[in-house]
């Protein structure tokens, strides 16, 4: 059955390792299959687990074990992780060639994309378990609890580089400078506390200052001056004598009489 490519949807990974994800090819209960392209332009088929299947340790182990067995039978994978040299005999026939895979918390696998031939969806089949696992399948089918968690299991962001650290020499110099500064501050504090001798008299405090406000100056209004009375001129000062006689003249006339 040929897979029909459909556009990517919200939540689909833009990249898986060195491959650029271009479209969806298939959706299974255990995961998703994408059409990708490598750095050399080669078309690949990529399979990832759902978020629920990736959280189930048993389902994740079945997916990773199938990838490792197919990679070991094909002579090891190329281009992404180390070569798996451990042979496994219980590998079903028809497994596609493994180009790259990731076996972490969000595993994925990449195989060549050939229209009309099995792709990466081949690795999602063993993840699902049917029957009761006792002889031939009988009774109600086993249904995983994680079927409702249908989002793709995306790998986490790449680890951030470690922050830059100073060299040992600079760290020692900074510690020495800090120790000198602490010692200097301690010496200043001790001098302030115990530097004054007991026999030295303390300075007399200054008397308190009493502030008395000064009344504002009142304007000085000049008093009006009264005219002084002019003196009355005497007869001698007037310049004209009175018609009367002088005292000497009256005495001489009385004697003649």
Protein backbone atom coordinates (compact mmCIF):
# COMPACT_ATOMS: atom_id res chain seq x y z
CA UNK A 1 0.00 0.00 0.00
CA UNK A 2 1.47 3.27 -1.11
CA UNK A 3 1.61 6.09 1.39
CA UNK A 4 0.22 9.43 0.26
CA UNK A 5 2.18 12.44 1.47
CA UNK A 6 0.23 15.11 3.36
CA UNK A 7 1.36 18.50 4.65
CA UNK A 8 2.95 18.79 8.05
CA UNK A 9 0.70 19.71 10.94
CA UNK A 10 1.17 21.64 14.14
CA UNK A 11 3.48 19.69 16.44
CA UNK A 12 5.36 17.84 13.72
CA UNK A 13 9.16 18.10 14.03
CA UNK A 14 10.90 20.33 11.47
CA UNK A 15 14.08 18.26 11.67
CA UNK A 16 15.15 14.86 12.93
CA UNK A 17 18.90 14.70 13.30
CA UNK A 18 20.50 15.69 9.98
CA UNK A 19 17.25 15.20 8.02
CA UNK A 20 14.75 17.92 7.12
CA UNK A 21 11.15 16.79 7.56
CA UNK A 22 9.05 17.68 4.51
CA UNK A 23 5.67 15.86 4.76
CA UNK A 24 3.66 13.20 6.51
CA UNK A 25 3.54 9.74 4.93
CA UNK A 26 1.70 7.58 7.45
CA UNK A 27 0.06 7.71 10.86
CA UNK A 28 -0.07 4.57 13.00
CA UNK A 29 -1.33 3.97 16.56
CA UNK A 30 2.26 3.75 17.77
CA UNK A 31 3.80 6.63 15.84
CA UNK A 32 4.18 8.72 12.71
CA UNK A 33 6.09 8.30 9.45
CA UNK A 34 7.51 11.36 7.68
CA UNK A 35 9.16 12.07 4.37
CA UNK A 36 12.53 13.73 4.85
CA UNK A 37 15.59 14.78 2.94
CA UNK A 38 19.24 14.37 3.85
CA UNK A 39 22.06 16.83 3.39
CA UNK A 40 23.00 15.09 0.14
CA UNK A 41 19.45 15.43 -1.23
CA UNK A 42 18.52 11.79 -0.63
CA UNK A 43 14.86 11.10 0.22
CA UNK A 44 14.37 9.18 3.46
CA UNK A 45 11.48 7.73 5.43
CA UNK A 46 11.46 8.68 9.12
CA UNK A 47 9.52 6.98 11.92
CA UNK A 48 8.93 8.44 15.37
CA UNK A 49 6.87 7.22 18.32
CA UNK A 50 3.90 9.01 19.76
CA UNK A 51 4.40 10.88 23.00
CA UNK A 52 2.49 8.20 24.92
CA UNK A 53 4.48 5.31 23.40
CA UNK A 54 7.77 7.08 24.08
CA UNK A 55 6.84 7.43 27.77
CA UNK A 56 6.12 3.69 28.00
CA UNK A 57 9.48 2.04 28.67
CA UNK A 58 8.34 -1.33 27.28
CA UNK A 59 7.00 0.15 24.03
CA UNK A 60 10.08 2.28 23.60
CA UNK A 61 12.32 -0.75 24.17
CA UNK A 62 10.48 -2.80 21.53
CA UNK A 63 10.92 0.01 19.01
CA UNK A 64 14.64 0.47 19.79
CA UNK A 65 15.30 -3.29 19.79
CA UNK A 66 13.77 -3.67 16.33
CA UNK A 67 15.93 -0.86 15.01
CA UNK A 68 19.10 -2.35 16.47
CA UNK A 69 18.36 -5.81 15.12
CA UNK A 70 17.72 -4.47 11.62
CA UNK A 71 20.86 -2.36 11.79
CA UNK A 72 22.97 -5.32 12.95
CA UNK A 73 21.69 -7.57 10.18
CA UNK A 74 22.36 -4.94 7.55
CA UNK A 75 25.97 -4.43 8.62
CA UNK A 76 25.40 -1.43 10.83
CA UNK A 77 23.94 1.97 10.19
CA UNK A 78 25.72 4.91 8.71
CA UNK A 79 25.93 8.60 9.26
CA UNK A 80 24.49 9.24 12.70
CA UNK A 81 25.39 6.87 15.55
CA UNK A 82 28.05 4.23 16.06
CA UNK A 83 27.96 0.99 14.21
CA UNK A 84 26.09 -1.85 15.87
CA UNK A 85 28.12 -5.02 15.43
CA UNK A 86 26.14 -7.38 17.68
CA UNK A 87 24.31 -9.91 15.50
CA UNK A 88 20.75 -10.90 16.32
CA UNK A 89 19.10 -13.94 14.72
CA UNK A 90 15.45 -13.16 15.46
CA UNK A 91 15.11 -10.44 12.85
CA UNK A 92 12.09 -10.67 10.54
CA UNK A 93 12.73 -10.66 6.84
CA UNK A 94 11.97 -7.61 4.77
CA UNK A 95 13.41 -4.99 7.17
CA UNK A 96 14.57 -1.88 5.30
CA UNK A 97 18.13 -0.61 5.51
CA UNK A 98 18.74 1.61 8.54
CA UNK A 99 20.51 4.84 7.64
CA UNK A 100 20.42 6.52 11.04
CA UNK A 101 18.60 6.21 14.31
CA UNK A 102 18.27 7.78 17.76
CA UNK A 103 17.72 5.60 20.83
CA UNK A 104 17.14 8.24 23.52
CA UNK A 105 13.95 9.34 25.23
CA UNK A 106 12.40 10.24 21.84
CA UNK A 107 13.72 7.56 19.46
CA UNK A 108 13.44 7.73 15.68
CA UNK A 109 14.80 5.81 12.70
CA UNK A 110 15.60 6.78 9.10
CA UNK A 111 15.54 4.41 6.10
CA UNK A 112 15.72 5.04 2.33
CA UNK A 113 12.44 6.16 0.82
CA UNK A 114 11.43 3.93 -2.11
CA UNK A 115 7.84 4.33 -3.38
CA UNK A 116 5.93 1.04 -3.22
CA UNK A 117 8.32 -0.62 -0.77
CA UNK A 118 8.18 -0.79 3.06
CA UNK A 119 9.59 2.25 4.75
CA UNK A 120 10.12 3.35 8.33
CA UNK A 121 6.57 2.30 9.25
CA UNK A 122 7.92 -1.28 9.33
CA UNK A 123 9.52 -0.52 12.73
CA UNK A 124 6.25 0.66 14.28
CA UNK A 125 4.56 -2.73 13.94
CA UNK A 126 6.36 -4.52 16.82
CA UNK A 127 5.53 -1.65 19.20
CA UNK A 128 1.87 -2.70 19.36
CA UNK A 129 1.05 -5.92 21.26
CA UNK A 130 -2.05 -8.02 20.54
CA UNK A 131 -3.75 -10.89 22.40
CA UNK A 132 -2.87 -12.09 25.88
CA UNK A 133 0.73 -13.15 25.09
CA UNK A 134 -0.10 -16.78 26.12
CA UNK A 135 -0.07 -19.06 23.14
CA UNK A 136 -2.42 -18.14 20.31
CA UNK A 137 -4.21 -14.84 20.72
CA UNK A 138 -7.49 -15.31 22.52
CA UNK A 139 -9.75 -13.25 24.67
CA UNK A 140 -9.99 -9.47 24.44
CA UNK A 141 -7.18 -7.68 22.67
CA UNK A 142 -4.60 -5.83 24.68
CA UNK A 143 -5.01 -2.06 24.35
CA UNK A 144 -2.14 0.15 25.52
CA UNK A 145 -3.04 2.91 27.91
CA UNK A 146 -1.12 5.52 25.90
CA UNK A 147 -3.20 5.36 22.72
CA UNK A 148 -4.90 8.68 23.51
CA UNK A 149 -1.61 10.59 23.69
CA UNK A 150 -1.25 11.14 19.95
CA UNK A 151 1.36 13.91 19.72
CA UNK A 152 4.74 13.08 18.15
CA UNK A 153 7.56 12.43 20.59
CA UNK A 154 10.03 15.18 19.77
CA UNK A 155 13.66 15.13 20.88
CA UNK A 156 14.64 17.73 23.41
CA UNK A 157 16.63 20.84 22.55
CA UNK A 158 20.39 20.41 22.19
CA UNK A 159 22.32 20.94 25.41
CA UNK A 160 23.57 24.44 25.97
CA UNK A 161 27.31 24.99 26.05
CA UNK A 162 28.84 25.26 29.48
CA UNK A 163 29.34 28.84 30.64
CA UNK A 164 32.83 30.23 30.34
CA UNK A 165 34.87 30.02 33.55
CA UNK A 166 37.85 32.07 34.61
CA UNK A 167 41.27 30.54 34.86
CA UNK A 168 42.65 29.38 38.18
CA UNK A 169 45.10 32.27 38.33
CA UNK A 170 42.38 34.86 37.96
CA UNK A 171 40.26 33.14 40.57
CA UNK A 172 43.16 33.15 43.03
CA UNK A 173 43.88 36.82 42.36
CA UNK A 174 40.24 37.73 42.92
CA UNK A 175 40.18 35.74 46.18
CA UNK A 176 43.38 37.47 47.36
CA UNK A 177 41.98 40.92 46.55
CA UNK A 178 38.80 40.08 48.43
CA UNK A 179 40.79 38.90 51.47
CA UNK A 180 42.85 42.14 51.50
CA UNK A 181 39.69 44.22 51.28
CA UNK A 182 38.09 42.33 54.18
CA UNK A 183 41.23 42.77 56.30
CA UNK A 184 41.34 46.50 55.56
CA UNK A 185 37.70 46.97 56.51
CA UNK A 186 38.24 44.99 59.72
CA UNK A 187 41.23 47.15 60.67
CA UNK A 188 39.28 50.36 60.10
CA UNK A 189 36.41 49.07 62.23
CA UNK A 190 38.78 48.15 65.09
CA UNK A 191 40.44 51.55 64.98
CA UNK A 192 37.09 53.29 65.16
CA UNK A 193 35.99 51.16 68.11
CA UNK A 194 39.16 50.86 70.21
CA UNK A 195 41.50 53.52 68.84
CA UNK A 196 40.54 56.23 71.42
CA UNK A 197 42.37 55.89 74.76
CA UNK A 198 40.40 55.97 78.02
CA UNK A 199 42.43 58.87 79.54
CA UNK A 200 41.83 61.24 76.65
CA UNK A 201 39.06 63.68 77.60
CA UNK A 202 36.11 63.81 75.40
CA UNK A 203 35.46 67.10 73.65
CA UNK A 204 32.97 69.36 75.40
CA UNK A 205 29.70 69.54 73.59
CA UNK A 206 28.76 72.91 72.19
CA UNK A 207 26.04 74.83 74.02
CA UNK A 208 22.65 74.66 72.45
CA UNK A 209 21.80 77.49 70.16
CA UNK A 210 18.65 79.43 71.01
CA UNK A 211 17.14 80.97 68.03
CA UNK A 212 15.21 84.17 68.71
CA UNK A 213 13.55 85.66 65.72
CA UNK A 214 14.17 89.35 65.14
CA UNK A 215 11.04 91.48 64.63
CA UNK A 216 10.81 93.03 61.24
CA UNK A 217 11.89 96.70 61.04
CA UNK A 218 9.06 99.25 61.25
CA UNK A 219 9.09 102.17 58.81
CA UNK A 220 10.16 105.53 60.36
CA UNK A 221 7.59 108.30 59.54
CA UNK A 222 9.07 111.84 59.91
CA UNK A 223 7.07 114.05 62.30
CA UNK A 224 5.86 117.39 60.87
CA UNK A 225 7.85 120.44 62.21
CA UNK A 226 5.90 123.37 63.77
CA UNK A 227 7.09 126.91 62.93
CA UNK A 228 8.87 128.58 65.89
CA UNK A 229 7.50 132.09 66.97
CA UNK A 230 9.53 135.02 65.71
CA UNK A 231 10.94 137.35 68.53
CA UNK A 232 9.36 140.82 69.01
CA UNK A 233 11.86 143.57 68.21
CA UNK A 234 12.75 145.90 71.21
CA UNK A 235 12.70 149.71 70.86
CA UNK A 236 16.45 149.82 70.77
CA UNK A 237 16.56 147.29 68.01
CA UNK A 238 13.87 149.08 65.98
CA UNK A 239 16.18 152.13 65.45
CA UNK A 240 13.66 154.89 66.62
CA UNK A 241 13.49 156.26 70.20
CA UNK A 242 10.27 156.84 72.06
CA UNK A 243 9.16 160.51 72.61
CA UNK A 244 9.51 160.12 76.37
CA UNK A 245 12.43 161.34 78.36
CA UNK A 246 15.32 159.39 79.49
CA UNK A 247 15.78 158.88 83.22
CA UNK A 248 18.69 161.33 83.43
CA UNK A 249 16.85 164.05 81.75
CA UNK A 250 13.86 163.86 84.10
CA UNK A 251 16.03 164.08 87.19
CA UNK A 252 17.82 167.24 86.03
CA UNK A 253 14.67 169.05 85.20
CA UNK A 254 13.20 168.29 88.61
CA UNK A 255 16.17 169.76 90.34
CA UNK A 256 15.89 173.07 88.47
CA UNK A 257 12.37 173.47 89.53
